[in-house]
Amino acid sequence: MKETITFLGAGSMAEAIIAGMTAKEIVPSRQIIATNHSNKDRLQELEHKYKIQTTQNKQAAIEQGTIIVLAMKPKDVKVATAEIREFLTEDKIIVSLLAGISTGYMEKQIGTNNPVIRVMPNTSAMIGQSATTIASGNNVNEEQIELVRTLIHAIGTTTVINEEEMDAFTALAGSGPAFYYYMVEAMEQFVIEKGLDKEVAKQLMTQTLKGVAQMLATSSDSPKTLREKITSPGGTTEAGLKALASHDFQKAVMNCLEQATDKSKELRSLFEK
């Protein structure tokens, strides 16, 4: 790929994408530039680890980049966009990793006609297994979307959605890993109470999760049908499911996702006032 990717911000998500792009050789390492506000040691760490370019000259980093990735903290967005606006030419694609900030808000902050694409990875990006959603702003064409999808595919799967769906998909995929981990925490507590070998239990739980994920990805059956196929009348699975139902498990999960969606909307509204 001929593009030069400039990261404004050098935190964990920026590193995950850099690691994926360099490992999969999507972009040559010397065509990746990272800059941040003041942490020179962090930049040197990334330069040494991934053989990328780093600089604290923000103007130079932006002028060299053809894709500008906004990876700073969301609270810093106003200051950051004010600083970079004068260095942007309209051929540069702006990719935002900023949670809770819509493409429309970013377009207003930047104040140019640059294409703005919002990308929402989750923490599994650190191992190249993120379920990432992508939403485009008003000035984006299909070629630009596909270009960003190719880049972000370095950290997992990518799905293009509408901006107005981002809050709900943030609950499902962005926050989703935490909800699965929370259930596994309960299983770990069961292991402790039963005095089971923790390492053996961990292997069984993680392999079970992998198997379930693979079945959901490859089977033509619905989750309901898959569940029913392993629920024998009067059996152990049925007994466990009845216990979950007695605690309104499905209602609790749906309420969890509703609350996460509402919080995403609330956080977004703070920036759009």
Protein backbone atom coordinates (compact mmCIF):
# COMPACT_ATOMS: atom_id res chain seq x y z
CA MET A 1 0.00 0.00 0.00
CA LYS A 2 1.36 3.41 -0.96
CA GLU A 3 -0.42 5.36 1.79
CA THR A 4 1.44 6.99 4.68
CA ILE A 5 -0.40 6.62 7.98
CA THR A 6 0.04 9.28 10.66
CA PHE A 7 -1.14 8.54 14.21
CA LEU A 8 -1.92 11.55 16.37
CA GLY A 9 -1.67 9.85 19.73
CA ALA A 10 0.36 6.78 20.63
CA GLY A 11 -1.72 4.88 23.18
CA SER A 12 -2.65 1.20 23.35
CA MET A 13 -5.20 1.23 20.51
CA ALA A 14 -2.82 3.08 18.19
CA GLU A 15 -0.16 0.50 19.03
CA ALA A 16 -2.55 -2.38 18.37
CA ILE A 17 -3.25 -1.06 14.86
CA ILE A 18 0.43 -0.36 14.20
CA ALA A 19 1.32 -3.88 15.38
CA GLY A 20 -1.31 -5.43 13.11
CA MET A 21 -0.36 -3.38 10.04
CA THR A 22 3.36 -4.13 10.39
CA ALA A 23 2.89 -7.82 11.24
CA LYS A 24 0.64 -8.36 8.21
CA GLU A 25 2.79 -6.06 6.05
CA ILE A 26 -0.25 -4.03 4.99
CA VAL A 27 1.85 -0.88 5.14
CA PRO A 28 5.68 -0.75 5.19
CA SER A 29 6.81 0.28 8.67
CA ARG A 30 8.59 3.38 7.35
CA GLN A 31 5.24 4.62 5.98
CA ILE A 32 3.81 4.79 9.50
CA ILE A 33 4.38 7.93 11.58
CA ALA A 34 3.41 8.38 15.24
CA THR A 35 3.36 11.58 17.23
CA ASN A 36 2.00 12.63 20.59
CA HIS A 37 1.81 15.74 22.72
CA SER A 38 4.75 15.27 25.07
CA ASN A 39 5.71 11.64 25.78
CA LYS A 40 8.93 11.25 23.82
CA ASP A 41 9.87 8.01 25.60
CA ARG A 42 6.66 6.38 24.37
CA LEU A 43 7.43 7.40 20.80
CA GLN A 44 10.94 5.99 21.03
CA GLU A 45 9.49 2.75 22.39
CA LEU A 46 7.18 2.39 19.37
CA GLU A 47 9.94 3.36 16.94
CA HIS A 48 12.27 0.73 18.34
CA LYS A 49 9.61 -1.99 18.53
CA TYR A 50 7.96 -1.55 15.12
CA LYS A 51 10.64 0.33 13.11
CA ILE A 52 8.18 3.13 12.36
CA GLN A 53 8.89 6.85 12.15
CA THR A 54 8.14 9.05 15.16
CA THR A 55 8.29 12.78 15.66
CA GLN A 56 6.98 15.48 17.95
CA ASN A 57 6.72 17.85 15.01
CA LYS A 58 2.97 17.60 14.50
CA GLN A 59 2.95 19.70 11.36
CA ALA A 60 5.53 17.48 9.65
CA ALA A 61 3.68 14.34 10.69
CA ILE A 62 0.39 15.60 9.26
CA GLU A 63 1.87 16.95 6.06
CA GLN A 64 3.54 13.61 5.32
CA GLY A 65 0.46 11.52 6.09
CA THR A 66 -2.23 10.64 3.59
CA ILE A 67 -4.38 9.01 6.29
CA ILE A 68 -4.51 10.85 9.62
CA VAL A 69 -5.60 8.68 12.54
CA LEU A 70 -6.96 10.59 15.53
CA ALA A 71 -5.95 8.45 18.50
CA MET A 72 -5.76 10.98 21.31
CA LYS A 73 -8.09 10.99 24.33
CA PRO A 74 -11.65 12.11 23.41
CA LYS A 75 -11.49 14.94 25.97
CA ASP A 76 -8.61 16.47 23.98
CA VAL A 77 -10.45 16.54 20.66
CA LYS A 78 -11.21 20.28 20.54
CA VAL A 79 -7.65 21.32 21.25
CA ALA A 80 -6.23 18.67 18.93
CA THR A 81 -8.43 19.55 15.94
CA ALA A 82 -7.72 23.25 16.41
CA GLU A 83 -3.99 22.50 16.29
CA ILE A 84 -4.07 20.37 13.15
CA ARG A 85 -6.69 22.20 11.07
CA GLU A 86 -4.27 24.54 9.33
CA PHE A 87 -2.05 21.64 8.21
CA LEU A 88 -4.80 19.62 6.53
CA THR A 89 -5.24 19.45 2.79
CA GLU A 90 -8.52 18.02 1.58
CA ASP A 91 -6.96 14.93 0.02
CA LYS A 92 -6.16 13.55 3.48
CA ILE A 93 -8.51 10.97 5.02
CA ILE A 94 -9.31 11.53 8.71
CA VAL A 95 -9.84 8.32 10.70
CA SER A 96 -11.23 8.83 14.21
CA LEU A 97 -10.76 6.26 16.99
CA LEU A 98 -12.43 8.59 19.47
CA ALA A 99 -15.21 6.87 21.40
CA GLY A 100 -18.49 8.74 21.67
CA ILE A 101 -17.70 11.33 19.01
CA SER A 102 -19.73 11.25 15.80
CA THR A 103 -18.43 11.91 12.31
CA GLY A 104 -20.72 14.95 12.10
CA TYR A 105 -19.15 16.46 15.20
CA MET A 106 -15.66 15.76 13.87
CA GLU A 107 -16.51 17.41 10.54
CA LYS A 108 -17.65 20.54 12.37
CA GLN A 109 -14.54 20.61 14.56
CA ILE A 110 -12.16 20.18 11.64
CA GLY A 111 -14.06 22.70 9.54
CA THR A 112 -12.83 21.36 6.20
CA ASN A 113 -14.20 19.03 3.52
CA ASN A 114 -11.86 16.20 4.46
CA PRO A 115 -13.43 12.73 4.44
CA VAL A 116 -13.99 11.61 8.04
CA ILE A 117 -14.35 7.93 8.91
CA ARG A 118 -15.14 6.75 12.43
CA VAL A 119 -13.66 3.43 13.57
CA MET A 120 -14.72 1.64 16.77
CA PRO A 121 -12.45 -1.30 17.65
CA ASN A 122 -12.66 -3.29 20.86
CA THR A 123 -9.89 -4.42 23.20
CA SER A 124 -9.40 -7.70 21.34
CA ALA A 125 -7.52 -5.56 18.82
CA MET A 126 -4.47 -6.24 21.02
CA ILE A 127 -4.42 -9.84 19.74
CA GLY A 128 -5.69 -9.09 16.23
CA GLN A 129 -9.24 -10.27 17.00
CA SER A 130 -11.24 -7.05 17.24
CA ALA A 131 -14.81 -6.82 15.97
CA THR A 132 -14.54 -3.30 14.54
CA THR A 133 -17.38 -1.13 13.29
CA ILE A 134 -16.83 1.64 10.73
CA ALA A 135 -19.09 4.62 9.97
CA SER A 136 -18.49 7.26 7.33
CA GLY A 137 -19.11 10.99 7.26
CA ASN A 138 -20.61 13.13 4.50
CA ASN A 139 -17.52 13.49 2.29
CA VAL A 140 -16.47 9.83 2.07
CA ASN A 141 -16.56 7.67 -1.05
CA GLU A 142 -16.54 3.87 -1.39
CA GLU A 143 -12.88 3.73 -2.34
CA GLN A 144 -11.92 5.54 0.87
CA ILE A 145 -14.07 3.23 2.98
CA GLU A 146 -12.44 0.16 1.43
CA LEU A 147 -9.00 1.64 1.99
CA VAL A 148 -9.71 2.10 5.71
CA ARG A 149 -11.28 -1.36 5.93
CA THR A 150 -8.09 -2.84 4.53
CA LEU A 151 -6.02 -1.05 7.16
CA ILE A 152 -8.29 -1.90 10.09
CA HIS A 153 -8.58 -5.53 8.97
CA ALA A 154 -5.08 -5.80 10.43
CA ILE A 155 -6.66 -6.03 13.90
CA GLY A 156 -9.61 -8.32 13.16
CA THR A 157 -12.94 -8.14 11.33
CA THR A 158 -14.53 -4.94 10.03
CA THR A 159 -18.19 -4.10 9.49
CA VAL A 160 -19.49 -0.90 7.89
CA ILE A 161 -22.57 0.50 9.64
CA ASN A 162 -24.60 3.71 9.66
CA GLU A 163 -23.53 6.42 12.11
CA GLU A 164 -26.91 6.31 13.89
CA GLU A 165 -26.33 2.61 14.68
CA MET A 166 -22.99 3.22 16.36
CA ASP A 167 -24.32 3.57 19.92
CA ALA A 168 -26.05 0.17 19.85
CA PHE A 169 -23.13 -1.55 18.13
CA THR A 170 -20.78 0.01 20.67
CA ALA A 171 -22.77 -1.84 23.34
CA LEU A 172 -22.64 -5.12 21.40
CA ALA A 173 -19.05 -5.07 20.21
CA GLY A 174 -17.19 -2.23 21.89
CA SER A 175 -18.30 -3.06 25.44
CA GLY A 176 -19.22 -6.64 24.58
CA PRO A 177 -15.93 -8.29 25.62
CA ALA A 178 -16.42 -7.06 29.20
CA PHE A 179 -19.85 -8.70 29.38
CA TYR A 180 -18.46 -12.08 28.26
CA TYR A 181 -15.58 -11.74 30.73
CA TYR A 182 -18.08 -11.00 33.49
CA MET A 183 -19.86 -14.31 32.86
CA VAL A 184 -16.53 -16.15 32.87
CA GLU A 185 -15.73 -14.49 36.21
CA ALA A 186 -18.83 -16.19 37.64
CA MET A 187 -17.66 -19.52 36.22
CA GLU A 188 -14.25 -18.98 37.82
CA GLN A 189 -15.96 -18.46 41.17
CA PHE A 190 -17.76 -21.77 40.66
CA VAL A 191 -14.38 -23.42 39.99
CA ILE A 192 -12.99 -22.01 43.24
CA GLU A 193 -15.99 -23.10 45.29
CA LYS A 194 -15.82 -26.62 43.88
CA GLY A 195 -12.06 -26.85 44.47
CA LEU A 196 -11.35 -27.63 40.81
CA ASP A 197 -7.96 -27.24 39.15
CA LYS A 198 -7.92 -23.65 37.89
CA GLU A 199 -5.65 -24.28 34.89
CA VAL A 200 -7.67 -27.27 33.71
CA ALA A 201 -10.88 -25.28 34.14
CA LYS A 202 -9.44 -22.32 32.23
CA GLN A 203 -8.51 -24.55 29.29
CA LEU A 204 -11.99 -26.08 29.23
CA MET A 205 -13.74 -22.69 29.49
CA THR A 206 -11.67 -20.99 26.81
CA GLN A 207 -11.99 -23.92 24.40
CA THR A 208 -15.74 -23.98 25.01
CA LEU A 209 -15.93 -20.27 24.18
CA LYS A 210 -13.88 -20.81 21.02
CA GLY A 211 -16.18 -23.65 19.98
CA VAL A 212 -19.32 -21.61 20.61
CA ALA A 213 -17.90 -18.68 18.62
CA GLN A 214 -16.99 -20.96 15.73
CA MET A 215 -20.42 -22.59 15.73
CA LEU A 216 -22.13 -19.17 15.70
CA ALA A 217 -19.88 -18.07 12.84
CA THR A 218 -20.28 -21.16 10.65
CA SER A 219 -23.60 -22.82 11.45
CA SER A 220 -26.77 -21.96 9.54
CA ASP A 221 -28.75 -22.64 12.74
CA SER A 222 -29.93 -19.79 14.95
CA PRO A 223 -28.53 -19.47 18.50
CA LYS A 224 -31.92 -20.69 19.77
CA THR A 225 -31.72 -23.83 17.63
CA LEU A 226 -28.11 -24.49 18.65
CA ARG A 227 -29.14 -24.17 22.30
CA GLU A 228 -32.09 -26.50 21.87
CA LYS A 229 -29.93 -29.15 20.19
CA ILE A 230 -27.87 -29.59 23.35
CA THR A 231 -30.76 -29.27 25.83
CA SER A 232 -32.12 -32.72 26.55
CA PRO A 233 -35.40 -32.89 28.51
CA GLY A 234 -34.63 -33.54 32.15
CA GLY A 235 -30.88 -33.19 31.57
CA THR A 236 -28.10 -31.11 33.11
CA THR A 237 -28.24 -28.33 30.50
CA GLU A 238 -31.97 -27.88 30.97
CA ALA A 239 -31.47 -27.63 34.73
CA GLY A 240 -28.87 -24.90 34.31
CA LEU A 241 -30.98 -22.97 31.81
CA LYS A 242 -33.97 -23.08 34.15
CA ALA A 243 -31.81 -21.52 36.87
CA LEU A 244 -30.77 -18.73 34.48
CA ALA A 245 -34.39 -18.18 33.42
CA SER A 246 -35.47 -17.95 37.06
CA HIS A 247 -33.15 -14.95 37.38
CA ASP A 248 -34.45 -13.35 34.14
CA PHE A 249 -31.06 -13.91 32.51
CA GLN A 250 -32.10 -12.85 29.00
CA LYS A 251 -33.88 -9.77 30.33
CA ALA A 252 -30.74 -8.86 32.31
CA VAL A 253 -28.56 -9.18 29.20
CA MET A 254 -30.92 -7.03 27.14
CA ASN A 255 -31.05 -4.42 29.92
CA CYS A 256 -27.24 -4.48 30.07
CA LEU A 257 -27.04 -3.67 26.36
CA GLU A 258 -29.73 -0.99 26.63
CA GLN A 259 -27.88 0.72 29.47
CA ALA A 260 -24.59 0.63 27.55
CA THR A 261 -26.33 2.06 24.46
CA ASP A 262 -27.91 4.85 26.51
CA LYS A 263 -24.55 5.70 28.08
CA SER A 264 -22.96 5.89 24.62
CA LYS A 265 -25.68 8.34 23.55
CA GLU A 266 -25.17 10.35 26.73
CA LEU A 267 -21.41 10.59 26.24
CA ARG A 268 -21.90 11.61 22.60
CA SER A 269 -24.33 14.35 23.62
CA LEU A 270 -21.69 15.90 25.87
CA PHE A 271 -19.58 16.65 22.80
CA GLU A 272 -22.45 17.79 20.63
CA LYS A 273 -23.92 20.47 22.90
